[in-house]
Amino acid sequence: MRYEKVQTGWIIIIIFSIIICSLTISYFTKIGTKPISFMIYMISTAILVLVLLVFYRLKVRVDKLGIHIIYGIGLVHIIIKPEKINHVKIVKIPFSSGLGIRITEKGMLYNIQGRDTVEISFLKGKSKIVQIGSNDAFALKAFIEKKYNVNQPL
């Protein structure tokens, strides 16, 4: 029994696609008095495509090994071990918290869309908190509690 949910980051896909298309159009049409060189075009496009591949989706998987937070093609892969989890709760984050990987006053935030997060408190030397953005937060929280027998704080 395992939980797996994939969220697509349409905002980052659209923004980066527009930027890549704009760069391509400006390179091939030689817009302006100082058009960009081929090398600048290739380096800029390669960096943008790499960032897009790394952050275009967020996959959350819960299995016997732990809670996996996987961005894009898998270069960013965080695992929270089940034996270290203290409690789980749902938190609505402010819009200003943003998208992507963020350091917040509570701990790390991994989000790709929306404002609902599952907040997980766990031990790793000292107590840490991770918030995972999800468009299915209630199901994720329920699955984690059931799978790992996590007790809720009072």
C-alpha atoms as a PDB file:
ATOM      1  CA  MET A   1       0.000   0.000   0.000  1.00  0.00           C
ATOM      2  CA  ARG A   2       1.426   3.343  -1.052  1.00  0.00           C
ATOM      3  CA  TYR A   3       0.348   6.868  -1.893  1.00  0.00           C
ATOM      4  CA  GLU A   4       1.601   8.728  -4.940  1.00  0.00           C
ATOM      5  CA  LYS A   5       0.452  12.075  -6.281  1.00  0.00           C
ATOM      6  CA  VAL A   6       2.002  14.114  -9.077  1.00  0.00           C
ATOM      7  CA  GLN A   7       1.362  17.853  -9.403  1.00  0.00           C
ATOM      8  CA  THR A   8       2.344  19.744 -12.518  1.00  0.00           C
ATOM      9  CA  GLY A   9       3.735  23.250 -12.093  1.00  0.00           C
ATOM     10  CA  TRP A  10       1.898  24.954 -14.929  1.00  0.00           C
ATOM     11  CA  ILE A  11       3.010  28.400 -13.798  1.00  0.00           C
ATOM     12  CA  ILE A  12       6.716  27.584 -14.151  1.00  0.00           C
ATOM     13  CA  ILE A  13       6.117  25.724 -17.435  1.00  0.00           C
ATOM     14  CA  ILE A  14       4.267  28.669 -18.976  1.00  0.00           C
ATOM     15  CA  ILE A  15       6.679  31.346 -17.722  1.00  0.00           C
ATOM     16  CA  PHE A  16       9.825  29.478 -18.773  1.00  0.00           C
ATOM     17  CA  SER A  17       8.310  28.533 -22.156  1.00  0.00           C
ATOM     18  CA  ILE A  18       7.509  32.192 -22.847  1.00  0.00           C
ATOM     19  CA  ILE A  19      11.045  33.235 -21.886  1.00  0.00           C
ATOM     20  CA  ILE A  20      12.639  30.496 -24.030  1.00  0.00           C
ATOM     21  CA  CYS A  21      10.421  31.410 -27.010  1.00  0.00           C
ATOM     22  CA  SER A  22      11.252  35.106 -26.557  1.00  0.00           C
ATOM     23  CA  LEU A  23      14.978  34.343 -26.470  1.00  0.00           C
ATOM     24  CA  THR A  24      14.678  32.183 -29.588  1.00  0.00           C
ATOM     25  CA  ILE A  25      12.699  34.823 -31.473  1.00  0.00           C
ATOM     26  CA  SER A  26      15.097  37.604 -30.449  1.00  0.00           C
ATOM     27  CA  TYR A  27      18.121  35.513 -31.495  1.00  0.00           C
ATOM     28  CA  PHE A  28      16.799  34.511 -34.925  1.00  0.00           C
ATOM     29  CA  THR A  29      15.280  37.902 -35.793  1.00  0.00           C
ATOM     30  CA  LYS A  30      18.350  39.822 -34.507  1.00  0.00           C
ATOM     31  CA  ILE A  31      16.181  42.367 -32.682  1.00  0.00           C
ATOM     32  CA  GLY A  32      17.851  45.554 -31.434  1.00  0.00           C
ATOM     33  CA  THR A  33      21.142  47.298 -32.093  1.00  0.00           C
ATOM     34  CA  LYS A  34      23.160  44.666 -30.194  1.00  0.00           C
ATOM     35  CA  PRO A  35      21.540  41.270 -30.857  1.00  0.00           C
ATOM     36  CA  ILE A  36      22.486  38.365 -28.579  1.00  0.00           C
ATOM     37  CA  SER A  37      25.285  36.094 -29.734  1.00  0.00           C
ATOM     38  CA  PHE A  38      24.879  32.396 -30.432  1.00  0.00           C
ATOM     39  CA  MET A  39      26.874  31.477 -27.307  1.00  0.00           C
ATOM     40  CA  ILE A  40      24.734  33.671 -25.009  1.00  0.00           C
ATOM     41  CA  TYR A  41      21.585  32.268 -26.640  1.00  0.00           C
ATOM     42  CA  MET A  42      22.699  28.639 -26.151  1.00  0.00           C
ATOM     43  CA  ILE A  43      23.891  29.103 -22.545  1.00  0.00           C
ATOM     44  CA  SER A  44      20.746  31.006 -21.539  1.00  0.00           C
ATOM     45  CA  THR A  45      18.449  28.482 -23.212  1.00  0.00           C
ATOM     46  CA  ALA A  46      20.317  25.524 -21.692  1.00  0.00           C
ATOM     47  CA  ILE A  47      20.080  26.981 -18.174  1.00  0.00           C
ATOM     48  CA  LEU A  48      16.369  27.743 -18.566  1.00  0.00           C
ATOM     49  CA  VAL A  49      15.615  24.251 -19.932  1.00  0.00           C
ATOM     50  CA  LEU A  50      17.605  22.641 -17.099  1.00  0.00           C
ATOM     51  CA  VAL A  51      15.729  24.651 -14.435  1.00  0.00           C
ATOM     52  CA  LEU A  52      12.450  23.767 -16.139  1.00  0.00           C
ATOM     53  CA  LEU A  53      13.306  20.037 -16.134  1.00  0.00           C
ATOM     54  CA  VAL A  54      14.293  20.148 -12.467  1.00  0.00           C
ATOM     55  CA  PHE A  55      11.169  21.982 -11.223  1.00  0.00           C
ATOM     56  CA  TYR A  56       8.283  21.304 -13.651  1.00  0.00           C
ATOM     57  CA  ARG A  57       6.472  18.906 -11.309  1.00  0.00           C
ATOM     58  CA  LEU A  58       6.281  17.757  -7.707  1.00  0.00           C
ATOM     59  CA  LYS A  59       5.757  14.092  -6.932  1.00  0.00           C
ATOM     60  CA  VAL A  60       4.911  13.050  -3.383  1.00  0.00           C
ATOM     61  CA  ARG A  61       5.202   9.335  -2.678  1.00  0.00           C
ATOM     62  CA  VAL A  62       4.585   7.631   0.642  1.00  0.00           C
ATOM     63  CA  ASP A  63       5.781   4.049   1.020  1.00  0.00           C
ATOM     64  CA  LYS A  64       7.463   1.781   3.567  1.00  0.00           C
ATOM     65  CA  LEU A  65      10.788   3.640   3.169  1.00  0.00           C
ATOM     66  CA  GLY A  66       9.328   7.047   3.987  1.00  0.00           C
ATOM     67  CA  ILE A  67       7.829  10.177   2.499  1.00  0.00           C
ATOM     68  CA  HIS A  68       9.493  11.046  -0.807  1.00  0.00           C
ATOM     69  CA  ILE A  69       9.403  14.605  -2.153  1.00  0.00           C
ATOM     70  CA  ILE A  70      10.629  14.511  -5.753  1.00  0.00           C
ATOM     71  CA  TYR A  71      10.907  17.542  -8.027  1.00  0.00           C
ATOM     72  CA  GLY A  72      10.978  17.303 -11.827  1.00  0.00           C
ATOM     73  CA  ILE A  73      13.222  14.608 -13.265  1.00  0.00           C
ATOM     74  CA  GLY A  74      14.392  13.579  -9.798  1.00  0.00           C
ATOM     75  CA  LEU A  75      17.537  15.614  -9.178  1.00  0.00           C
ATOM     76  CA  VAL A  76      15.870  17.020  -6.040  1.00  0.00           C
ATOM     77  CA  HIS A  77      14.698  14.043  -3.940  1.00  0.00           C
ATOM     78  CA  ILE A  78      14.048  14.414  -0.211  1.00  0.00           C
ATOM     79  CA  ILE A  79      13.128  11.437   1.994  1.00  0.00           C
ATOM     80  CA  ILE A  80      11.590  11.686   5.473  1.00  0.00           C
ATOM     81  CA  LYS A  81      11.993   8.426   7.398  1.00  0.00           C
ATOM     82  CA  PRO A  82       8.771   7.128   8.984  1.00  0.00           C
ATOM     83  CA  GLU A  83      10.250   6.298  12.382  1.00  0.00           C
ATOM     84  CA  LYS A  84      11.190   9.943  12.922  1.00  0.00           C
ATOM     85  CA  ILE A  85       7.730  11.501  12.327  1.00  0.00           C
ATOM     86  CA  ASN A  86       6.119  13.143  15.398  1.00  0.00           C
ATOM     87  CA  HIS A  87       2.924  14.634  14.021  1.00  0.00           C
ATOM     88  CA  VAL A  88       1.142  15.684  10.846  1.00  0.00           C
ATOM     89  CA  LYS A  89      -1.344  18.494  10.272  1.00  0.00           C
ATOM     90  CA  ILE A  90      -2.810  20.569   7.459  1.00  0.00           C
ATOM     91  CA  VAL A  91      -1.783  24.212   7.216  1.00  0.00           C
ATOM     92  CA  LYS A  92      -2.928  26.882   4.768  1.00  0.00           C
ATOM     93  CA  ILE A  93       0.096  28.983   3.869  1.00  0.00           C
ATOM     94  CA  PRO A  94      -0.090  32.635   2.823  1.00  0.00           C
ATOM     95  CA  PHE A  95       0.169  33.394  -0.893  1.00  0.00           C
ATOM     96  CA  SER A  96       3.366  35.335  -0.169  1.00  0.00           C
ATOM     97  CA  SER A  97       5.150  32.082   0.786  1.00  0.00           C
ATOM     98  CA  GLY A  98       5.562  31.439  -2.929  1.00  0.00           C
ATOM     99  CA  LEU A  99       6.308  28.346  -4.971  1.00  0.00           C
ATOM    100  CA  GLY A 100       9.292  26.035  -5.158  1.00  0.00           C
ATOM    101  CA  ILE A 101      11.650  25.199  -2.333  1.00  0.00           C
ATOM    102  CA  ARG A 102      11.524  27.845   0.405  1.00  0.00           C
ATOM    103  CA  ILE A 103      12.944  28.368   3.864  1.00  0.00           C
ATOM    104  CA  THR A 104      10.150  29.677   6.094  1.00  0.00           C
ATOM    105  CA  GLU A 105       9.970  30.646   9.758  1.00  0.00           C
ATOM    106  CA  LYS A 106       8.621  27.143  10.511  1.00  0.00           C
ATOM    107  CA  GLY A 107      11.039  25.144   8.372  1.00  0.00           C
ATOM    108  CA  MET A 108      11.272  23.992   4.754  1.00  0.00           C
ATOM    109  CA  LEU A 109       8.406  24.430   2.303  1.00  0.00           C
ATOM    110  CA  TYR A 110       8.128  22.302  -0.840  1.00  0.00           C
ATOM    111  CA  ASN A 111       5.321  23.643  -3.007  1.00  0.00           C
ATOM    112  CA  ILE A 112       4.434  23.815  -6.674  1.00  0.00           C
ATOM    113  CA  GLN A 113       0.830  25.033  -6.614  1.00  0.00           C
ATOM    114  CA  GLY A 114      -1.861  26.184  -4.226  1.00  0.00           C
ATOM    115  CA  ARG A 115      -1.888  27.117  -0.559  1.00  0.00           C
ATOM    116  CA  ASP A 116      -2.751  23.854   1.227  1.00  0.00           C
ATOM    117  CA  THR A 117       0.214  22.083   2.782  1.00  0.00           C
ATOM    118  CA  VAL A 118       0.743  19.031   4.947  1.00  0.00           C
ATOM    119  CA  GLU A 119       3.020  20.004   7.818  1.00  0.00           C
ATOM    120  CA  ILE A 120       5.195  17.166   9.093  1.00  0.00           C
ATOM    121  CA  SER A 121       7.154  17.446  12.323  1.00  0.00           C
ATOM    122  CA  PHE A 122      10.006  14.957  12.637  1.00  0.00           C
ATOM    123  CA  LEU A 123      13.267  14.360  14.455  1.00  0.00           C
ATOM    124  CA  LYS A 124      16.594  14.635  12.674  1.00  0.00           C
ATOM    125  CA  GLY A 125      18.989  15.380  15.489  1.00  0.00           C
ATOM    126  CA  LYS A 126      16.606  18.106  16.651  1.00  0.00           C
ATOM    127  CA  SER A 127      12.946  18.655  15.835  1.00  0.00           C
ATOM    128  CA  LYS A 128      12.335  19.834  12.263  1.00  0.00           C
ATOM    129  CA  ILE A 129       9.258  20.838  10.307  1.00  0.00           C
ATOM    130  CA  VAL A 130       8.603  20.300   6.613  1.00  0.00           C
ATOM    131  CA  GLN A 131       5.572  21.574   4.708  1.00  0.00           C
ATOM    132  CA  ILE A 132       4.577  19.772   1.522  1.00  0.00           C
ATOM    133  CA  GLY A 133       2.220  21.612  -0.816  1.00  0.00           C
ATOM    134  CA  SER A 134      -0.557  19.409  -2.132  1.00  0.00           C
ATOM    135  CA  ASN A 135      -3.788  19.744  -4.041  1.00  0.00           C
ATOM    136  CA  ASP A 136      -4.854  16.610  -2.148  1.00  0.00           C
ATOM    137  CA  ALA A 137      -3.706  17.601   1.362  1.00  0.00           C
ATOM    138  CA  PHE A 138      -6.434  15.809   3.340  1.00  0.00           C
ATOM    139  CA  ALA A 139      -5.816  12.477   1.601  1.00  0.00           C
ATOM    140  CA  LEU A 140      -2.030  12.816   2.036  1.00  0.00           C
ATOM    141  CA  LYS A 141      -2.376  13.611   5.742  1.00  0.00           C
ATOM    142  CA  ALA A 142      -4.796  10.713   6.305  1.00  0.00           C
ATOM    143  CA  PHE A 143      -2.530   8.290   4.469  1.00  0.00           C
ATOM    144  CA  ILE A 144       0.573   9.324   6.430  1.00  0.00           C
ATOM    145  CA  GLU A 145      -1.292   9.003   9.745  1.00  0.00           C
ATOM    146  CA  LYS A 146      -2.659   5.580   8.847  1.00  0.00           C
ATOM    147  CA  LYS A 147       0.537   4.229   7.273  1.00  0.00           C
ATOM    148  CA  TYR A 148       2.876   5.279  10.090  1.00  0.00           C
ATOM    149  CA  ASN A 149       0.443   5.372  13.065  1.00  0.00           C
ATOM    150  CA  VAL A 150       1.219   9.017  13.748  1.00  0.00           C
ATOM    151  CA  ASN A 151      -0.490  10.502  16.805  1.00  0.00           C
ATOM    152  CA  GLN A 152      -1.837  14.014  16.545  1.00  0.00           C
ATOM    153  CA  PRO A 153      -0.737  16.614  19.113  1.00  0.00           C
ATOM    154  CA  LEU A 154      -3.373  17.900  21.532  1.00  0.00           C
END
